[in-house]
Amino acid sequence: MNVVQLAEIIWFISALGIIIFVLLHSPKGDGIGGIGGQAQLFTSTKSAEITLNRITWTLSVVFMGLTVLLSAGWLPQ
């Protein structure tokens, strides 16, 4: 397994993660609290939404960074 293949795997996982975490967001601000029983993991619905935002932004940065690296061909084969 070379560097490009590893980057592609991380890129794919980050893409799936973005899809999953965006779908967990609620348009009314409920977020993960709207999925019965899951809100007990967090101290409040607001902290759950903040956590979802941080994870989503982190995955977005990883995805976009790897997209640029992979499309430009800057990684060694």
N, C-alpha and C. Protein backbone atom coordinates (compact mmCIF):
# COMPACT_ATOMS: atom_id res chain seq x y z
N MET A 1 0.85 -1.18 0.00
CA MET A 1 0.00 0.00 0.00
C MET A 1 0.90 1.24 0.00
N ASN A 2 0.70 2.09 -0.98
CA ASN A 2 1.52 3.30 -1.04
C ASN A 2 0.76 4.50 -0.47
N VAL A 3 1.39 5.65 -0.51
CA VAL A 3 0.85 6.86 0.09
C VAL A 3 -0.45 7.28 -0.59
N VAL A 4 -0.51 7.16 -1.90
CA VAL A 4 -1.71 7.57 -2.64
C VAL A 4 -2.91 6.70 -2.25
N GLN A 5 -2.69 5.41 -2.14
CA GLN A 5 -3.79 4.51 -1.76
C GLN A 5 -4.28 4.81 -0.35
N LEU A 6 -3.36 5.08 0.56
CA LEU A 6 -3.73 5.44 1.93
C LEU A 6 -4.53 6.74 1.95
N ALA A 7 -4.08 7.73 1.18
CA ALA A 7 -4.80 9.01 1.10
C ALA A 7 -6.19 8.82 0.51
N GLU A 8 -6.31 7.95 -0.48
CA GLU A 8 -7.62 7.69 -1.08
C GLU A 8 -8.57 7.02 -0.09
N ILE A 9 -8.05 6.13 0.73
CA ILE A 9 -8.89 5.48 1.75
C ILE A 9 -9.37 6.50 2.77
N ILE A 10 -8.46 7.35 3.25
CA ILE A 10 -8.85 8.39 4.21
C ILE A 10 -9.83 9.36 3.58
N TRP A 11 -9.61 9.70 2.30
CA TRP A 11 -10.51 10.60 1.56
C TRP A 11 -11.91 10.01 1.49
N PHE A 12 -12.00 8.72 1.18
CA PHE A 12 -13.29 8.04 1.07
C PHE A 12 -14.01 7.99 2.43
N ILE A 13 -13.27 7.66 3.49
CA ILE A 13 -13.85 7.59 4.82
C ILE A 13 -14.34 8.97 5.27
N SER A 14 -13.57 10.01 4.97
CA SER A 14 -13.99 11.36 5.34
C SER A 14 -15.24 11.77 4.56
N ALA A 15 -15.36 11.35 3.30
CA ALA A 15 -16.56 11.66 2.53
C ALA A 15 -17.79 10.99 3.14
N LEU A 16 -17.66 9.73 3.51
CA LEU A 16 -18.78 9.04 4.16
C LEU A 16 -19.12 9.67 5.51
N GLY A 17 -18.09 10.06 6.24
CA GLY A 17 -18.31 10.71 7.53
C GLY A 17 -19.05 12.03 7.39
N ILE A 18 -18.70 12.81 6.38
CA ILE A 18 -19.39 14.08 6.14
C ILE A 18 -20.87 13.81 5.87
N ILE A 19 -21.16 12.83 5.03
CA ILE A 19 -22.55 12.52 4.71
C ILE A 19 -23.32 12.12 5.97
N ILE A 20 -22.73 11.26 6.77
CA ILE A 20 -23.40 10.78 7.98
C ILE A 20 -23.63 11.91 8.97
N PHE A 21 -22.59 12.71 9.23
CA PHE A 21 -22.73 13.76 10.24
C PHE A 21 -23.62 14.91 9.78
N VAL A 22 -23.66 15.20 8.49
CA VAL A 22 -24.58 16.22 8.00
C VAL A 22 -26.01 15.74 8.16
N LEU A 23 -26.25 14.46 7.91
CA LEU A 23 -27.60 13.92 8.07
C LEU A 23 -28.02 13.87 9.54
N LEU A 24 -27.08 13.82 10.46
CA LEU A 24 -27.43 13.83 11.88
C LEU A 24 -27.87 15.21 12.36
N HIS A 25 -27.49 16.25 11.64
CA HIS A 25 -27.91 17.60 12.00
C HIS A 25 -29.41 17.74 11.78
N SER A 26 -30.05 18.48 12.65
CA SER A 26 -31.47 18.73 12.50
C SER A 26 -31.68 20.17 12.05
N PRO A 27 -32.61 20.40 11.13
CA PRO A 27 -32.86 21.77 10.69
C PRO A 27 -33.45 22.64 11.78
N LYS A 28 -34.03 22.03 12.82
CA LYS A 28 -34.63 22.80 13.91
C LYS A 28 -33.69 22.97 15.09
N GLY A 29 -32.46 22.52 14.95
CA GLY A 29 -31.51 22.66 16.03
C GLY A 29 -31.52 21.49 17.02
N ASP A 30 -32.35 20.47 16.76
CA ASP A 30 -32.38 19.31 17.65
C ASP A 30 -31.12 18.48 17.52
N GLY A 31 -30.62 18.39 16.31
CA GLY A 31 -29.40 17.62 16.06
C GLY A 31 -29.56 16.18 16.49
N ILE A 32 -28.57 15.68 17.16
CA ILE A 32 -28.58 14.28 17.56
C ILE A 32 -29.60 14.02 18.66
N GLY A 33 -30.06 15.08 19.31
CA GLY A 33 -31.08 14.93 20.34
C GLY A 33 -32.40 14.45 19.79
N GLY A 34 -32.64 14.65 18.51
CA GLY A 34 -33.87 14.20 17.89
C GLY A 34 -33.91 12.71 17.65
N ILE A 35 -32.81 12.05 17.79
CA ILE A 35 -32.75 10.60 17.61
C ILE A 35 -32.83 9.99 19.00
N GLY A 36 -34.00 9.56 19.38
CA GLY A 36 -34.31 9.13 20.74
C GLY A 36 -33.21 8.48 21.53
N GLY A 37 -32.92 9.01 22.69
CA GLY A 37 -32.00 8.42 23.62
C GLY A 37 -30.54 8.76 23.42
N GLN A 38 -30.17 9.28 22.28
CA GLN A 38 -28.76 9.55 22.01
C GLN A 38 -28.29 10.83 22.70
N ALA A 39 -29.19 11.69 23.09
CA ALA A 39 -28.80 12.96 23.69
C ALA A 39 -28.18 12.76 25.08
N GLN A 40 -28.37 11.61 25.69
CA GLN A 40 -27.79 11.38 27.01
C GLN A 40 -26.27 11.30 26.97
N LEU A 41 -25.69 11.13 25.80
CA LEU A 41 -24.25 11.10 25.68
C LEU A 41 -23.65 12.48 25.91
N PHE A 42 -24.44 13.51 25.72
CA PHE A 42 -23.97 14.88 25.84
C PHE A 42 -24.69 15.56 26.99
N THR A 43 -24.12 16.66 27.49
CA THR A 43 -24.74 17.35 28.61
C THR A 43 -25.99 18.11 28.21
N SER A 44 -26.05 18.51 26.96
CA SER A 44 -27.24 19.21 26.47
C SER A 44 -27.33 19.07 24.96
N THR A 45 -28.47 19.47 24.43
CA THR A 45 -28.65 19.43 22.98
C THR A 45 -27.70 20.38 22.31
N LYS A 46 -27.44 21.52 22.96
CA LYS A 46 -26.52 22.51 22.38
C LYS A 46 -25.11 21.94 22.27
N SER A 47 -24.65 21.22 23.27
CA SER A 47 -23.30 20.64 23.19
C SER A 47 -23.24 19.55 22.14
N ALA A 48 -24.36 18.84 21.95
CA ALA A 48 -24.39 17.82 20.90
C ALA A 48 -24.26 18.48 19.53
N GLU A 49 -24.94 19.61 19.33
CA GLU A 49 -24.88 20.32 18.06
C GLU A 49 -23.48 20.90 17.83
N ILE A 50 -22.87 21.41 18.88
CA ILE A 50 -21.50 21.96 18.76
C ILE A 50 -20.52 20.84 18.40
N THR A 51 -20.68 19.68 19.04
CA THR A 51 -19.82 18.54 18.73
C THR A 51 -20.00 18.08 17.29
N LEU A 52 -21.25 18.01 16.83
CA LEU A 52 -21.52 17.64 15.43
C LEU A 52 -20.90 18.64 14.47
N ASN A 53 -20.99 19.92 14.80
CA ASN A 53 -20.39 20.95 13.95
C ASN A 53 -18.88 20.80 13.86
N ARG A 54 -18.24 20.55 14.98
CA ARG A 54 -16.78 20.40 14.99
C ARG A 54 -16.33 19.18 14.17
N ILE A 55 -17.03 18.08 14.36
CA ILE A 55 -16.68 16.87 13.61
C ILE A 55 -16.90 17.09 12.11
N THR A 56 -18.02 17.72 11.77
CA THR A 56 -18.33 17.97 10.36
C THR A 56 -17.30 18.88 9.72
N TRP A 57 -16.93 19.96 10.41
CA TRP A 57 -15.92 20.88 9.87
C TRP A 57 -14.56 20.21 9.73
N THR A 58 -14.18 19.41 10.71
CA THR A 58 -12.90 18.71 10.64
C THR A 58 -12.87 17.75 9.45
N LEU A 59 -13.93 16.97 9.29
CA LEU A 59 -13.99 16.06 8.15
C LEU A 59 -14.00 16.81 6.82
N SER A 60 -14.64 17.97 6.79
CA SER A 60 -14.67 18.78 5.57
C SER A 60 -13.29 19.28 5.19
N VAL A 61 -12.53 19.72 6.19
CA VAL A 61 -11.17 20.21 5.93
C VAL A 61 -10.28 19.07 5.44
N VAL A 62 -10.40 17.91 6.07
CA VAL A 62 -9.62 16.74 5.64
C VAL A 62 -10.00 16.36 4.21
N PHE A 63 -11.29 16.32 3.93
CA PHE A 63 -11.76 15.94 2.60
C PHE A 63 -11.26 16.92 1.54
N MET A 64 -11.40 18.21 1.78
CA MET A 64 -10.98 19.20 0.79
C MET A 64 -9.47 19.20 0.61
N GLY A 65 -8.72 19.06 1.70
CA GLY A 65 -7.26 19.02 1.61
C GLY A 65 -6.79 17.82 0.80
N LEU A 66 -7.38 16.66 1.07
CA LEU A 66 -6.99 15.47 0.32
C LEU A 66 -7.46 15.54 -1.13
N THR A 67 -8.57 16.21 -1.38
CA THR A 67 -9.03 16.39 -2.75
C THR A 67 -8.01 17.17 -3.56
N VAL A 68 -7.48 18.24 -2.96
CA VAL A 68 -6.47 19.05 -3.64
C VAL A 68 -5.19 18.24 -3.85
N LEU A 69 -4.73 17.55 -2.82
CA LEU A 69 -3.51 16.75 -2.93
C LEU A 69 -3.62 15.65 -3.97
N LEU A 70 -4.73 14.95 -3.97
CA LEU A 70 -4.91 13.84 -4.90
C LEU A 70 -5.11 14.32 -6.34
N SER A 71 -5.84 15.42 -6.51
CA SER A 71 -6.09 15.89 -7.88
C SER A 71 -4.86 16.55 -8.50
N ALA A 72 -4.02 17.16 -7.66
CA ALA A 72 -2.82 17.82 -8.18
C ALA A 72 -1.68 16.83 -8.45
N GLY A 73 -1.78 15.65 -7.87
CA GLY A 73 -0.75 14.65 -8.07
C GLY A 73 0.54 14.97 -7.31
N TRP A 74 0.41 15.64 -6.18
CA TRP A 74 1.58 16.04 -5.41
C TRP A 74 2.13 14.93 -4.52
N LEU A 75 1.38 13.86 -4.36
CA LEU A 75 1.84 12.77 -3.51
C LEU A 75 2.70 11.80 -4.32
N PRO A 76 3.78 11.30 -3.70
CA PRO A 76 4.64 10.35 -4.43
C PRO A 76 3.93 9.02 -4.64
N GLN A 77 4.15 8.43 -5.77
CA GLN A 77 3.56 7.12 -6.07
C GLN A 77 4.28 6.11 -5.27
